[in-house]
Structure formats: C-alpha cells, structure tokens
Amino acid sequence: MSPNKVTNKLNLLSNFIHQSQKDSVPFQGTDSREFWQRSEARNTDTAKTYNALGFTEYYAIEAFRRYHF
C-alpha cells in the first residue's frame, strides 16, 4: 500500500468494522496503543521486511500468517 492508501483505509474506518477492534484489544499485553495503531505499525514493519528481501518497496503491506494447530 502507498501512504495515501493507508490514510484512506484509516479514514474509511475499515479497521473499526468490529467493535472488538475499535478501542481495545482482548490480549493487550504491555502495548498501550489502540488496535489501529498496532495494525498500522505491523503493516509498515512487514513492508520493510519484504523490501529488505528485494521485493517492491511499499509503505505498508498486509500479510496473513498460516496458523498450524
């Protein structure tokens, strides 16, 4: 995502679809940021990791992680 796409996503409140994600996180831990701030930081860090591997440079990337039982 480009910086503009990230801003548009936040402005459209796409991270606030679920009430559980609006202001608090069920398993907050020691991180006091709101859900959308944590999500934005994760997406930016993922983009930096992909860029370091030689992929196209983006401001943020959303990725999914496979969960193994």
Protein backbone atom coordinates (compact mmCIF):
# COMPACT_ATOMS: atom_id res chain seq x y z
CA MET A 1 0.00 0.00 0.00
CA SER A 2 1.11 3.52 -0.65
CA PRO A 3 0.97 6.16 2.11
CA ASN A 4 -2.25 7.51 0.54
CA LYS A 5 -3.90 4.09 0.57
CA VAL A 6 -3.04 3.62 4.24
CA THR A 7 -4.50 7.03 5.06
CA ASN A 8 -7.64 6.27 3.04
CA LYS A 9 -8.03 2.96 4.82
CA LEU A 10 -7.88 4.67 8.20
CA ASN A 11 -10.25 7.41 7.07
CA LEU A 12 -12.78 4.87 5.85
CA LEU A 13 -12.65 3.23 9.27
CA SER A 14 -12.01 -0.19 7.79
CA ASN A 15 -10.18 -1.17 10.96
CA PHE A 16 -13.26 -0.31 13.04
CA ILE A 17 -15.70 -2.74 11.44
CA HIS A 18 -15.72 -4.89 14.55
CA GLN A 19 -16.49 -3.28 17.89
CA SER A 20 -13.84 -5.53 19.48
CA GLN A 21 -11.17 -3.77 17.40
CA LYS A 22 -12.33 -0.21 17.94
CA ASP A 23 -10.69 0.90 21.18
CA SER A 24 -9.25 -2.10 22.94
CA VAL A 25 -7.62 -5.41 22.25
CA PRO A 26 -8.58 -8.58 24.17
CA PHE A 27 -4.92 -9.51 24.76
CA GLN A 28 -3.29 -6.12 25.11
CA GLY A 29 -0.07 -7.20 26.80
CA THR A 30 2.29 -4.31 27.54
CA ASP A 31 1.40 -2.37 24.37
CA SER A 32 -0.87 0.56 25.26
CA ARG A 33 -1.61 1.62 21.66
CA GLU A 34 -5.07 1.27 20.14
CA PHE A 35 -5.76 -1.56 17.70
CA TRP A 36 -5.47 0.58 14.56
CA GLN A 37 -2.09 1.94 15.67
CA ARG A 38 -0.76 -1.56 16.28
CA SER A 39 -2.12 -2.72 12.93
CA GLU A 40 -0.55 0.21 11.07
CA ALA A 41 2.83 -0.44 12.69
CA ARG A 42 2.68 -4.19 11.84
CA ASN A 43 1.81 -3.46 8.20
CA THR A 44 4.67 -0.94 7.93
CA ASP A 45 7.15 -3.37 9.50
CA THR A 46 6.01 -6.14 7.12
CA ALA A 47 6.62 -3.81 4.15
CA LYS A 48 10.14 -3.06 5.41
CA THR A 49 10.85 -6.80 5.73
CA TYR A 50 9.64 -7.52 2.18
CA ASN A 51 11.69 -4.59 0.88
CA ALA A 52 14.82 -5.95 2.59
CA LEU A 53 14.22 -9.24 0.77
CA GLY A 54 14.26 -7.41 -2.56
CA PHE A 55 10.55 -7.06 -3.20
CA THR A 56 8.92 -3.86 -4.42
CA GLU A 57 9.04 -1.04 -1.89
CA TYR A 58 5.70 -0.20 -0.31
CA TYR A 59 4.75 1.92 2.66
CA ALA A 60 2.71 -0.91 4.16
CA ILE A 61 1.78 -4.49 3.28
CA GLU A 62 -0.97 -6.62 4.75
CA ALA A 63 0.02 -10.24 5.12
CA PHE A 64 -1.65 -13.32 6.54
CA ARG A 65 0.07 -15.91 8.64
CA ARG A 66 -0.93 -19.54 8.48
CA TYR A 67 -1.83 -20.96 11.87
CA HIS A 68 -0.89 -24.58 12.50
CA PHE A 69 -2.77 -26.46 15.21
